[in-house]
Amino acid sequence: MSALELTRIVKRFGTFVAVDGLDLTVASGEVIGFLGPNGAGKTTTIRMVMSILHPDSGAISVLGHPDAAEVKDRIGYLPEERGLYRKMSVGATLQYFGHLKGLSGSELSRRADESLASVGLSEWKRKPVEALSKGMSQKLQFVAALIHRPEFVILDEPFSGLDPINTELLKRLFQELRQRGTTLIFSTHQMEHAERLCDRVVLINRGRKLLDGGVSEIRERFSTRIVLVEGEGDFRPLAALPGAADAEIAGGRARLRLTDGLEPHTVLQRAMETARVTRFEVQRPDLHDIFVRLVQEDSQARGLSVPASLAKPAPALPRGANVE
């Protein structure tokens, strides 16, 4: 049985179409990254899955039920808008959320203590939530969403605001969920998290699905080569080469996407005519590159403005990353 099925769901707010005929099937035990720029419809879709909002048309099935409220004790949900009772103690907070999910007694106390220990908050058990930092509060809400050990977990931007150490901690907890066979959907803007953690990624833009597949499969499908050149001299002539797309040239550095017909050695030869080349790499696009390209192309094809954060070419990959 699928954990989640969305069939042609549509959601409008007045004349604005937030979700436009979205189809999605998630198998039990899958880890899915739900990607898209701001305003793509990710949070609206998640709220419809959770029955906070209802679609104007289409059908939703969550763990075999049309309403998530019918199976709420089998679902863990971390919303985008974090919400904790600031005067309540950390321990009491977990007790409260556990009670809401049907836990009680010694079992609830044991799980609360284990949850706090898993995120390094045991010493804060008796302190008020308002004494926690933003990152600590986020970790508390994360374990509160999981205290009942749900089989289906939905997290809206779980990494937002976390420092690198706590980000790694959260990734470890993700892997533990995977090992237990938990179905997991999380939305994120950070492509590196999707690449490392997901079985599949789904990309939407302006409420429509643009991409759905495994990370390796997607990178193979969009295996356009990217050339990175560094050195001393003038790299501007590279932008004029037939087949050079999305040229980004500045400060002794050039980055180009090669379309059919342009080979890397041609780029190198041309670069050496006008500059002293100190670095030359042929790279595969990562999810960030693919994400930016597809959203730009979709927005332009539909006559819509490209999201401001994606209006410029994607930044160069880190040194040594994804080199063919």
C-alpha atoms as a PDB file:
ATOM      1  CA  MET A   1       0.000   0.000   0.000  1.00  0.00           C
ATOM      2  CA  SER A   2       1.210   3.495  -0.796  1.00  0.00           C
ATOM      3  CA  ALA A   3       1.740   5.794   2.163  1.00  0.00           C
ATOM      4  CA  LEU A   4       0.507   8.775   0.158  1.00  0.00           C
ATOM      5  CA  GLU A   5      -1.362   9.316  -3.096  1.00  0.00           C
ATOM      6  CA  LEU A   6      -2.222  12.717  -4.561  1.00  0.00           C
ATOM      7  CA  THR A   7      -4.381  12.689  -7.671  1.00  0.00           C
ATOM      8  CA  ARG A   8      -4.726  15.896  -9.689  1.00  0.00           C
ATOM      9  CA  ILE A   9      -5.077  18.069  -6.607  1.00  0.00           C
ATOM     10  CA  VAL A  10      -5.826  21.758  -7.120  1.00  0.00           C
ATOM     11  CA  LYS A  11      -5.862  24.547  -4.544  1.00  0.00           C
ATOM     12  CA  ARG A  12      -6.796  28.152  -5.262  1.00  0.00           C
ATOM     13  CA  PHE A  13      -6.748  31.237  -3.098  1.00  0.00           C
ATOM     14  CA  GLY A  14      -9.033  33.619  -4.951  1.00  0.00           C
ATOM     15  CA  THR A  15      -7.638  33.859  -8.468  1.00  0.00           C
ATOM     16  CA  PHE A  16      -4.212  32.570  -7.444  1.00  0.00           C
ATOM     17  CA  VAL A  17      -3.591  28.882  -8.180  1.00  0.00           C
ATOM     18  CA  ALA A  18      -1.229  27.614  -5.487  1.00  0.00           C
ATOM     19  CA  VAL A  19      -1.313  23.942  -6.507  1.00  0.00           C
ATOM     20  CA  ASP A  20      -2.234  23.052 -10.071  1.00  0.00           C
ATOM     21  CA  GLY A  21      -3.148  19.449 -10.864  1.00  0.00           C
ATOM     22  CA  LEU A  22      -0.428  17.812  -8.758  1.00  0.00           C
ATOM     23  CA  ASP A  23       0.027  14.015  -8.871  1.00  0.00           C
ATOM     24  CA  LEU A  24       2.299  12.216  -6.428  1.00  0.00           C
ATOM     25  CA  THR A  25       2.611   8.671  -5.095  1.00  0.00           C
ATOM     26  CA  VAL A  26       4.893   7.814  -2.158  1.00  0.00           C
ATOM     27  CA  ALA A  27       5.572   4.174  -1.352  1.00  0.00           C
ATOM     28  CA  SER A  28       5.814   2.974   2.229  1.00  0.00           C
ATOM     29  CA  GLY A  29       9.371   3.343   3.497  1.00  0.00           C
ATOM     30  CA  GLU A  30      10.474   5.907   0.895  1.00  0.00           C
ATOM     31  CA  VAL A  31      12.402   9.055   1.783  1.00  0.00           C
ATOM     32  CA  ILE A  32      11.234  11.896  -0.462  1.00  0.00           C
ATOM     33  CA  GLY A  33      12.696  15.383  -0.852  1.00  0.00           C
ATOM     34  CA  PHE A  34      10.000  17.911  -1.763  1.00  0.00           C
ATOM     35  CA  LEU A  35      11.761  20.772  -3.535  1.00  0.00           C
ATOM     36  CA  GLY A  36      10.799  24.105  -5.028  1.00  0.00           C
ATOM     37  CA  PRO A  37      11.473  27.846  -4.789  1.00  0.00           C
ATOM     38  CA  ASN A  38       9.550  30.113  -2.439  1.00  0.00           C
ATOM     39  CA  GLY A  39       5.908  30.208  -3.489  1.00  0.00           C
ATOM     40  CA  ALA A  40       6.101  26.907  -5.377  1.00  0.00           C
ATOM     41  CA  GLY A  41       3.247  25.359  -3.395  1.00  0.00           C
ATOM     42  CA  LYS A  42       5.199  23.012  -1.114  1.00  0.00           C
ATOM     43  CA  THR A  43       3.711  24.135   2.196  1.00  0.00           C
ATOM     44  CA  THR A  44       0.202  24.370   0.733  1.00  0.00           C
ATOM     45  CA  THR A  45       0.518  20.792  -0.512  1.00  0.00           C
ATOM     46  CA  ILE A  46       1.781  19.575   2.870  1.00  0.00           C
ATOM     47  CA  ARG A  47      -1.110  21.299   4.632  1.00  0.00           C
ATOM     48  CA  MET A  48      -3.561  19.555   2.319  1.00  0.00           C
ATOM     49  CA  VAL A  49      -1.913  16.209   3.051  1.00  0.00           C
ATOM     50  CA  MET A  50      -2.357  16.957   6.762  1.00  0.00           C
ATOM     51  CA  SER A  51      -6.014  18.020   6.224  1.00  0.00           C
ATOM     52  CA  ILE A  52      -5.279  21.515   7.526  1.00  0.00           C
ATOM     53  CA  LEU A  53      -6.405  22.742   4.121  1.00  0.00           C
ATOM     54  CA  HIS A  54      -8.609  20.887   1.659  1.00  0.00           C
ATOM     55  CA  PRO A  55      -8.158  20.758  -2.121  1.00  0.00           C
ATOM     56  CA  ASP A  56     -10.671  22.425  -4.410  1.00  0.00           C
ATOM     57  CA  SER A  57     -10.513  19.339  -6.620  1.00  0.00           C
ATOM     58  CA  GLY A  58      -8.619  16.079  -6.815  1.00  0.00           C
ATOM     59  CA  ALA A  59      -8.165  13.302  -4.274  1.00  0.00           C
ATOM     60  CA  ILE A  60      -5.777  12.606  -1.400  1.00  0.00           C
ATOM     61  CA  SER A  61      -5.125   9.283   0.320  1.00  0.00           C
ATOM     62  CA  VAL A  62      -2.940   9.177   3.451  1.00  0.00           C
ATOM     63  CA  LEU A  63      -2.127   5.701   4.746  1.00  0.00           C
ATOM     64  CA  GLY A  64      -5.197   4.493   2.886  1.00  0.00           C
ATOM     65  CA  HIS A  65      -7.530   7.155   4.302  1.00  0.00           C
ATOM     66  CA  PRO A  66      -8.942  10.310   2.671  1.00  0.00           C
ATOM     67  CA  ASP A  67      -8.439  12.388   5.830  1.00  0.00           C
ATOM     68  CA  ALA A  68      -5.158  12.525   7.763  1.00  0.00           C
ATOM     69  CA  ALA A  69      -7.132  13.137  10.964  1.00  0.00           C
ATOM     70  CA  GLU A  70      -8.321   9.526  10.761  1.00  0.00           C
ATOM     71  CA  VAL A  71      -4.732   8.275  11.112  1.00  0.00           C
ATOM     72  CA  LYS A  72      -3.168  11.161  13.042  1.00  0.00           C
ATOM     73  CA  ASP A  73      -1.545   8.854  15.608  1.00  0.00           C
ATOM     74  CA  ARG A  74       0.403   7.163  12.791  1.00  0.00           C
ATOM     75  CA  ILE A  75       1.766  10.468  11.428  1.00  0.00           C
ATOM     76  CA  GLY A  76       4.489  12.797  12.686  1.00  0.00           C
ATOM     77  CA  TYR A  77       4.344  16.396  11.451  1.00  0.00           C
ATOM     78  CA  LEU A  78       6.761  19.285  11.867  1.00  0.00           C
ATOM     79  CA  PRO A  79       5.176  22.443  10.396  1.00  0.00           C
ATOM     80  CA  GLU A  80       7.075  25.319   8.839  1.00  0.00           C
ATOM     81  CA  GLU A  81       5.785  27.636  11.571  1.00  0.00           C
ATOM     82  CA  ARG A  82       7.375  26.351  14.754  1.00  0.00           C
ATOM     83  CA  GLY A  83       5.136  26.552  17.821  1.00  0.00           C
ATOM     84  CA  LEU A  84       5.956  25.681  21.430  1.00  0.00           C
ATOM     85  CA  TYR A  85       4.552  26.898  24.736  1.00  0.00           C
ATOM     86  CA  ARG A  86       7.345  29.130  25.977  1.00  0.00           C
ATOM     87  CA  LYS A  87       6.524  28.941  29.711  1.00  0.00           C
ATOM     88  CA  MET A  88       6.205  25.149  29.718  1.00  0.00           C
ATOM     89  CA  SER A  89       9.266  23.123  30.689  1.00  0.00           C
ATOM     90  CA  VAL A  90      11.104  21.097  28.073  1.00  0.00           C
ATOM     91  CA  GLY A  91      10.138  17.806  29.713  1.00  0.00           C
ATOM     92  CA  ALA A  92       6.503  18.810  30.097  1.00  0.00           C
ATOM     93  CA  THR A  93       6.421  19.778  26.435  1.00  0.00           C
ATOM     94  CA  LEU A  94       7.305  16.257  25.370  1.00  0.00           C
ATOM     95  CA  GLN A  95       4.826  14.835  27.862  1.00  0.00           C
ATOM     96  CA  TYR A  96       2.125  17.055  26.366  1.00  0.00           C
ATOM     97  CA  PHE A  97       2.808  16.060  22.768  1.00  0.00           C
ATOM     98  CA  GLY A  98       3.053  12.408  23.781  1.00  0.00           C
ATOM     99  CA  HIS A  99      -0.358  12.569  25.472  1.00  0.00           C
ATOM    100  CA  LEU A 100      -1.835  14.044  22.284  1.00  0.00           C
ATOM    101  CA  LYS A 101      -0.585  10.970  20.421  1.00  0.00           C
ATOM    102  CA  GLY A 102      -2.022   8.467  22.910  1.00  0.00           C
ATOM    103  CA  LEU A 103       1.033   7.776  25.086  1.00  0.00           C
ATOM    104  CA  SER A 104       0.962   7.769  28.881  1.00  0.00           C
ATOM    105  CA  GLY A 105       2.612   6.543  32.057  1.00  0.00           C
ATOM    106  CA  SER A 106       6.082   5.070  32.261  1.00  0.00           C
ATOM    107  CA  GLU A 107       6.263   4.443  28.520  1.00  0.00           C
ATOM    108  CA  LEU A 108       5.765   8.131  27.808  1.00  0.00           C
ATOM    109  CA  SER A 109       8.339   9.139  30.436  1.00  0.00           C
ATOM    110  CA  ARG A 110      10.888   6.699  29.020  1.00  0.00           C
ATOM    111  CA  ARG A 111      10.386   7.905  25.453  1.00  0.00           C
ATOM    112  CA  ALA A 112      10.599  11.549  26.534  1.00  0.00           C
ATOM    113  CA  ASP A 113      13.926  10.931  28.278  1.00  0.00           C
ATOM    114  CA  GLU A 114      15.289   8.980  25.299  1.00  0.00           C
ATOM    115  CA  SER A 115      14.191  11.731  22.907  1.00  0.00           C
ATOM    116  CA  LEU A 116      15.894  14.473  24.906  1.00  0.00           C
ATOM    117  CA  ALA A 117      19.085  12.420  25.149  1.00  0.00           C
ATOM    118  CA  SER A 118      19.092  11.827  21.381  1.00  0.00           C
ATOM    119  CA  VAL A 119      19.342  15.566  20.697  1.00  0.00           C
ATOM    120  CA  GLY A 120      21.503  16.576  23.675  1.00  0.00           C
ATOM    121  CA  LEU A 121      18.763  18.262  25.705  1.00  0.00           C
ATOM    122  CA  SER A 122      18.633  16.030  28.796  1.00  0.00           C
ATOM    123  CA  GLU A 123      20.116  18.747  31.020  1.00  0.00           C
ATOM    124  CA  TRP A 124      17.384  21.141  29.892  1.00  0.00           C
ATOM    125  CA  LYS A 125      14.479  18.901  30.894  1.00  0.00           C
ATOM    126  CA  ARG A 126      13.252  21.086  33.747  1.00  0.00           C
ATOM    127  CA  LYS A 127      14.005  24.424  32.149  1.00  0.00           C
ATOM    128  CA  PRO A 128      11.373  26.502  30.336  1.00  0.00           C
ATOM    129  CA  VAL A 129      11.225  26.427  26.566  1.00  0.00           C
ATOM    130  CA  GLU A 130      11.884  30.174  26.485  1.00  0.00           C
ATOM    131  CA  ALA A 131      15.396  29.482  27.823  1.00  0.00           C
ATOM    132  CA  LEU A 132      16.288  27.475  24.714  1.00  0.00           C
ATOM    133  CA  SER A 133      18.087  28.873  21.704  1.00  0.00           C
ATOM    134  CA  LYS A 134      16.355  28.778  18.324  1.00  0.00           C
ATOM    135  CA  GLY A 135      18.263  25.668  17.271  1.00  0.00           C
ATOM    136  CA  MET A 136      17.532  23.894  20.563  1.00  0.00           C
ATOM    137  CA  SER A 137      13.835  24.730  20.244  1.00  0.00           C
ATOM    138  CA  GLN A 138      13.841  23.301  16.755  1.00  0.00           C
ATOM    139  CA  LYS A 139      15.418  20.066  17.967  1.00  0.00           C
ATOM    140  CA  LEU A 140      12.799  19.842  20.726  1.00  0.00           C
ATOM    141  CA  GLN A 141       9.949  20.248  18.263  1.00  0.00           C
ATOM    142  CA  PHE A 142      11.551  17.684  15.962  1.00  0.00           C
ATOM    143  CA  VAL A 143      11.639  14.973  18.631  1.00  0.00           C
ATOM    144  CA  ALA A 144       8.158  15.992  19.806  1.00  0.00           C
ATOM    145  CA  ALA A 145       6.881  15.186  16.315  1.00  0.00           C
ATOM    146  CA  LEU A 146       8.481  11.724  16.546  1.00  0.00           C
ATOM    147  CA  ILE A 147       7.865  10.728  20.159  1.00  0.00           C
ATOM    148  CA  HIS A 148       5.042   8.321  19.235  1.00  0.00           C
ATOM    149  CA  ARG A 149       7.260   6.618  16.616  1.00  0.00           C
ATOM    150  CA  PRO A 150       5.039   7.362  13.624  1.00  0.00           C
ATOM    151  CA  GLU A 151       5.224   5.295  10.466  1.00  0.00           C
ATOM    152  CA  PHE A 152       4.800   8.372   8.247  1.00  0.00           C
ATOM    153  CA  VAL A 153       6.719  11.608   8.951  1.00  0.00           C
ATOM    154  CA  ILE A 154       6.246  14.949   7.189  1.00  0.00           C
ATOM    155  CA  LEU A 155       8.739  17.743   7.883  1.00  0.00           C
ATOM    156  CA  ASP A 156       8.452  21.245   6.433  1.00  0.00           C
ATOM    157  CA  GLU A 157      11.915  22.864   6.161  1.00  0.00           C
ATOM    158  CA  PRO A 158      13.410  20.869   9.077  1.00  0.00           C
ATOM    159  CA  PHE A 159      16.957  22.193   8.533  1.00  0.00           C
ATOM    160  CA  SER A 160      16.012  25.875   8.512  1.00  0.00           C
ATOM    161  CA  GLY A 161      18.050  27.856  11.041  1.00  0.00           C
ATOM    162  CA  LEU A 162      20.207  24.957  12.253  1.00  0.00           C
ATOM    163  CA  ASP A 163      23.962  25.354  12.670  1.00  0.00           C
ATOM    164  CA  PRO A 164      26.287  22.791  11.015  1.00  0.00           C
ATOM    165  CA  ILE A 165      26.622  20.628  14.141  1.00  0.00           C
ATOM    166  CA  ASN A 166      22.875  20.338  14.680  1.00  0.00           C
ATOM    167  CA  THR A 167      22.344  19.827  10.961  1.00  0.00           C
ATOM    168  CA  GLU A 168      24.585  16.760  11.132  1.00  0.00           C
ATOM    169  CA  LEU A 169      22.686  15.568  14.204  1.00  0.00           C
ATOM    170  CA  LEU A 170      19.397  15.859  12.338  1.00  0.00           C
ATOM    171  CA  LYS A 171      20.841  13.940   9.395  1.00  0.00           C
ATOM    172  CA  ARG A 172      21.779  11.123  11.772  1.00  0.00           C
ATOM    173  CA  LEU A 173      18.221  11.025  13.082  1.00  0.00           C
ATOM    174  CA  PHE A 174      16.993  10.889   9.482  1.00  0.00           C
ATOM    175  CA  GLN A 175      19.123   7.803   8.908  1.00  0.00           C
ATOM    176  CA  GLU A 176      17.661   6.187  12.012  1.00  0.00           C
ATOM    177  CA  LEU A 177      14.162   6.819  10.662  1.00  0.00           C
ATOM    178  CA  ARG A 178      15.177   5.259   7.356  1.00  0.00           C
ATOM    179  CA  GLN A 179      16.548   2.172   9.122  1.00  0.00           C
ATOM    180  CA  ARG A 180      13.220   1.736  10.931  1.00  0.00           C
ATOM    181  CA  GLY A 181      11.404   1.771   7.588  1.00  0.00           C
ATOM    182  CA  THR A 182       9.671   5.099   8.254  1.00  0.00           C
ATOM    183  CA  THR A 183       8.113   6.867   5.290  1.00  0.00           C
ATOM    184  CA  LEU A 184       9.564  10.374   5.260  1.00  0.00           C
ATOM    185  CA  ILE A 185       8.747  13.493   3.227  1.00  0.00           C
ATOM    186  CA  PHE A 186      10.610  16.718   3.863  1.00  0.00           C
ATOM    187  CA  SER A 187      10.633  20.015   2.057  1.00  0.00           C
ATOM    188  CA  THR A 188      13.890  21.915   1.734  1.00  0.00           C
ATOM    189  CA  HIS A 189      15.663  24.616  -0.241  1.00  0.00           C
ATOM    190  CA  GLN A 190      19.044  23.018   0.449  1.00  0.00           C
ATOM    191  CA  MET A 191      19.881  20.673  -2.392  1.00  0.00           C
ATOM    192  CA  GLU A 192      22.813  18.994  -0.652  1.00  0.00           C
ATOM    193  CA  HIS A 193      20.433  17.601   1.977  1.00  0.00           C
ATOM    194  CA  ALA A 194      18.174  16.153  -0.689  1.00  0.00           C
ATOM    195  CA  GLU A 195      21.149  14.586  -2.488  1.00  0.00           C
ATOM    196  CA  ARG A 196      22.466  12.909   0.645  1.00  0.00           C
ATOM    197  CA  LEU A 197      19.245  11.796   2.303  1.00  0.00           C
ATOM    198  CA  CYS A 198      16.607  11.018  -0.320  1.00  0.00           C
ATOM    199  CA  ASP A 199      15.552   8.009  -2.337  1.00  0.00           C
ATOM    200  CA  ARG A 200      13.601  10.349  -4.604  1.00  0.00           C
ATOM    201  CA  VAL A 201      13.195  14.051  -5.152  1.00  0.00           C
ATOM    202  CA  VAL A 202      10.130  15.891  -6.421  1.00  0.00           C
ATOM    203  CA  LEU A 203      10.534  19.407  -7.805  1.00  0.00           C
ATOM    204  CA  ILE A 204       7.546  21.718  -8.201  1.00  0.00           C
ATOM    205  CA  ASN A 205       7.248  25.270  -9.490  1.00  0.00           C
ATOM    206  CA  ARG A 206       4.143  27.453  -9.334  1.00  0.00           C
ATOM    207  CA  GLY A 207       2.109  24.470  -8.182  1.00  0.00           C
ATOM    208  CA  ARG A 208       3.121  22.086 -10.982  1.00  0.00           C
ATOM    209  CA  LYS A 209       5.459  19.115 -10.831  1.00  0.00           C
ATOM    210  CA  LEU A 210       8.566  19.526 -12.989  1.00  0.00           C
ATOM    211  CA  LEU A 211      10.605  16.539 -11.907  1.00  0.00           C
ATOM    212  CA  ASP A 212      10.141  13.262 -10.027  1.00  0.00           C
ATOM    213  CA  GLY A 213      12.816  10.586  -9.719  1.00  0.00           C
ATOM    214  CA  GLY A 214      15.820   9.135  -7.946  1.00  0.00           C
ATOM    215  CA  VAL A 215      18.840  11.383  -7.446  1.00  0.00           C
ATOM    216  CA  SER A 216      21.162   9.223  -9.581  1.00  0.00           C
ATOM    217  CA  GLU A 217      18.518   8.841 -12.267  1.00  0.00           C
ATOM    218  CA  ILE A 218      17.945  12.601 -12.430  1.00  0.00           C
ATOM    219  CA  ARG A 219      21.635  13.432 -12.624  1.00  0.00           C
ATOM    220  CA  GLU A 220      22.030  10.888 -15.410  1.00  0.00           C
ATOM    221  CA  ARG A 221      19.032  12.301 -17.274  1.00  0.00           C
ATOM    222  CA  PHE A 222      20.431  15.828 -17.063  1.00  0.00           C
ATOM    223  CA  SER A 223      24.047  14.878 -17.611  1.00  0.00           C
ATOM    224  CA  THR A 224      24.913  18.142 -19.343  1.00  0.00           C
ATOM    225  CA  ARG A 225      28.593  18.884 -18.869  1.00  0.00           C
ATOM    226  CA  ILE A 226      29.753  21.947 -16.987  1.00  0.00           C
ATOM    227  CA  VAL A 227      33.235  23.325 -17.603  1.00  0.00           C
ATOM    228  CA  LEU A 228      35.087  25.387 -15.033  1.00  0.00           C
ATOM    229  CA  VAL A 229      38.197  27.318 -16.092  1.00  0.00           C
ATOM    230  CA  GLU A 230      40.454  29.503 -13.942  1.00  0.00           C
ATOM    231  CA  GLY A 231      43.578  31.423 -14.763  1.00  0.00           C
ATOM    232  CA  GLU A 232      45.055  34.772 -15.761  1.00  0.00           C
ATOM    233  CA  GLY A 233      43.826  36.523 -18.871  1.00  0.00           C
ATOM    234  CA  ASP A 234      40.659  37.123 -20.847  1.00  0.00           C
ATOM    235  CA  PHE A 235      38.038  34.367 -20.769  1.00  0.00           C
ATOM    236  CA  ARG A 236      35.283  36.449 -22.370  1.00  0.00           C
ATOM    237  CA  PRO A 237      35.737  34.849 -25.837  1.00  0.00           C
ATOM    238  CA  LEU A 238      34.535  31.538 -24.362  1.00  0.00           C
ATOM    239  CA  ALA A 239      31.003  32.904 -24.108  1.00  0.00           C
ATOM    240  CA  ALA A 240      30.902  33.261 -27.895  1.00  0.00           C
ATOM    241  CA  LEU A 241      31.654  29.599 -28.586  1.00  0.00           C
ATOM    242  CA  PRO A 242      28.735  27.802 -30.306  1.00  0.00           C
ATOM    243  CA  GLY A 243      27.233  25.514 -27.699  1.00  0.00           C
ATOM    244  CA  ALA A 244      28.348  27.514 -24.654  1.00  0.00           C
ATOM    245  CA  ALA A 245      25.322  28.265 -22.473  1.00  0.00           C
ATOM    246  CA  ASP A 246      24.819  30.038 -19.159  1.00  0.00           C
ATOM    247  CA  ALA A 247      28.307  31.513 -19.336  1.00  0.00           C
ATOM    248  CA  GLU A 248      29.434  33.065 -16.064  1.00  0.00           C
ATOM    249  CA  ILE A 249      32.739  34.895 -16.528  1.00  0.00           C
ATOM    250  CA  ALA A 250      34.361  37.139 -13.951  1.00  0.00           C
ATOM    251  CA  GLY A 251      37.618  37.650 -12.082  1.00  0.00           C
ATOM    252  CA  GLY A 252      39.807  35.113 -13.834  1.00  0.00           C
ATOM    253  CA  ARG A 253      37.126  32.445 -13.734  1.00  0.00           C
ATOM    254  CA  ALA A 254      34.713  31.063 -16.329  1.00  0.00           C
ATOM    255  CA  ARG A 255      31.891  28.591 -15.899  1.00  0.00           C
ATOM    256  CA  LEU A 256      29.937  27.307 -18.901  1.00  0.00           C
ATOM    257  CA  ARG A 257      27.293  24.692 -19.568  1.00  0.00           C
ATOM    258  CA  LEU A 258      28.094  22.765 -22.735  1.00  0.00           C
ATOM    259  CA  THR A 259      25.276  21.841 -25.089  1.00  0.00           C
ATOM    260  CA  ASP A 260      25.502  19.267 -27.884  1.00  0.00           C
ATOM    261  CA  GLY A 261      28.318  19.893 -30.325  1.00  0.00           C
ATOM    262  CA  LEU A 262      30.762  21.650 -28.016  1.00  0.00           C
ATOM    263  CA  GLU A 263      33.489  19.466 -26.532  1.00  0.00           C
ATOM    264  CA  PRO A 264      35.530  20.326 -23.430  1.00  0.00           C
ATOM    265  CA  HIS A 265      38.853  20.169 -25.291  1.00  0.00           C
ATOM    266  CA  THR A 266      37.584  22.893 -27.645  1.00  0.00           C
ATOM    267  CA  VAL A 267      36.893  25.134 -24.661  1.00  0.00           C
ATOM    268  CA  LEU A 268      40.364  24.468 -23.275  1.00  0.00           C
ATOM    269  CA  GLN A 269      42.065  25.223 -26.574  1.00  0.00           C
ATOM    270  CA  ARG A 270      40.145  28.488 -26.941  1.00  0.00           C
ATOM    271  CA  ALA A 271      40.909  29.499 -23.351  1.00  0.00           C
ATOM    272  CA  MET A 272      44.633  28.915 -23.833  1.00  0.00           C
ATOM    273  CA  GLU A 273      44.644  31.331 -26.762  1.00  0.00           C
ATOM    274  CA  THR A 274      43.818  34.301 -24.537  1.00  0.00           C
ATOM    275  CA  ALA A 275      44.800  33.258 -21.012  1.00  0.00           C
ATOM    276  CA  ARG A 276      47.192  31.232 -18.877  1.00  0.00           C
ATOM    277  CA  VAL A 277      44.997  28.401 -17.606  1.00  0.00           C
ATOM    278  CA  THR A 278      45.708  27.207 -14.061  1.00  0.00           C
ATOM    279  CA  ARG A 279      42.621  25.052 -13.553  1.00  0.00           C
ATOM    280  CA  PHE A 280      40.320  23.170 -15.901  1.00  0.00           C
ATOM    281  CA  GLU A 281      37.522  20.831 -14.799  1.00  0.00           C
ATOM    282  CA  VAL A 282      34.625  19.056 -16.439  1.00  0.00           C
ATOM    283  CA  GLN A 283      31.837  18.599 -13.909  1.00  0.00           C
ATOM    284  CA  ARG A 284      28.458  16.946 -13.755  1.00  0.00           C
ATOM    285  CA  PRO A 285      25.551  19.150 -12.693  1.00  0.00           C
ATOM    286  CA  ASP A 286      24.364  18.653  -9.142  1.00  0.00           C
ATOM    287  CA  LEU A 287      20.755  18.986  -7.999  1.00  0.00           C
ATOM    288  CA  HIS A 288      21.187  22.714  -7.487  1.00  0.00           C
ATOM    289  CA  ASP A 289      22.143  23.247 -11.134  1.00  0.00           C
ATOM    290  CA  ILE A 290      19.279  21.068 -12.363  1.00  0.00           C
ATOM    291  CA  PHE A 291      16.833  22.761  -9.996  1.00  0.00           C
ATOM    292  CA  VAL A 292      17.779  26.265 -11.161  1.00  0.00           C
ATOM    293  CA  ARG A 293      17.731  25.345 -14.842  1.00  0.00           C
ATOM    294  CA  LEU A 294      14.303  23.660 -14.770  1.00  0.00           C
ATOM    295  CA  VAL A 295      12.646  26.392 -12.708  1.00  0.00           C
ATOM    296  CA  GLN A 296      14.051  29.095 -14.987  1.00  0.00           C
ATOM    297  CA  GLU A 297      12.930  27.271 -18.135  1.00  0.00           C
ATOM    298  CA  ASP A 298       9.460  26.524 -16.740  1.00  0.00           C
ATOM    299  CA  SER A 299       8.877  30.101 -15.581  1.00  0.00           C
ATOM    300  CA  GLN A 300      10.015  31.510 -18.923  1.00  0.00           C
ATOM    301  CA  ALA A 301       7.895  29.025 -20.915  1.00  0.00           C
ATOM    302  CA  ARG A 302       4.795  30.028 -18.946  1.00  0.00           C
ATOM    303  CA  GLY A 303       5.510  33.731 -19.334  1.00  0.00           C
ATOM    304  CA  LEU A 304       6.118  34.148 -15.607  1.00  0.00           C
ATOM    305  CA  SER A 305       8.875  36.021 -13.849  1.00  0.00           C
ATOM    306  CA  VAL A 306      11.790  33.903 -12.702  1.00  0.00           C
ATOM    307  CA  PRO A 307      12.037  33.820  -8.869  1.00  0.00           C
ATOM    308  CA  ALA A 308      14.506  36.516  -7.806  1.00  0.00           C
ATOM    309  CA  SER A 309      16.753  34.004  -6.040  1.00  0.00           C
ATOM    310  CA  LEU A 310      17.122  32.066  -9.301  1.00  0.00           C
ATOM    311  CA  ALA A 311      17.446  34.935 -11.742  1.00  0.00           C
ATOM    312  CA  LYS A 312      21.235  34.609 -11.975  1.00  0.00           C
ATOM    313  CA  PRO A 313      23.142  31.564 -13.209  1.00  0.00           C
ATOM    314  CA  ALA A 314      23.815  28.954 -10.554  1.00  0.00           C
ATOM    315  CA  PRO A 315      27.039  29.480  -8.591  1.00  0.00           C
ATOM    316  CA  ALA A 316      30.042  27.316  -9.376  1.00  0.00           C
ATOM    317  CA  LEU A 317      30.376  23.985  -7.666  1.00  0.00           C
ATOM    318  CA  PRO A 318      32.905  23.580  -4.845  1.00  0.00           C
ATOM    319  CA  ARG A 319      36.439  22.652  -5.804  1.00  0.00           C
ATOM    320  CA  GLY A 320      36.687  19.017  -6.784  1.00  0.00           C
ATOM    321  CA  ALA A 321      32.946  18.361  -6.558  1.00  0.00           C
ATOM    322  CA  ASN A 322      31.337  15.929  -9.028  1.00  0.00           C
ATOM    323  CA  VAL A 323      34.299  15.880 -11.390  1.00  0.00           C
ATOM    324  CA  GLU A 324      33.943  13.437 -14.266  1.00  0.00           C
END
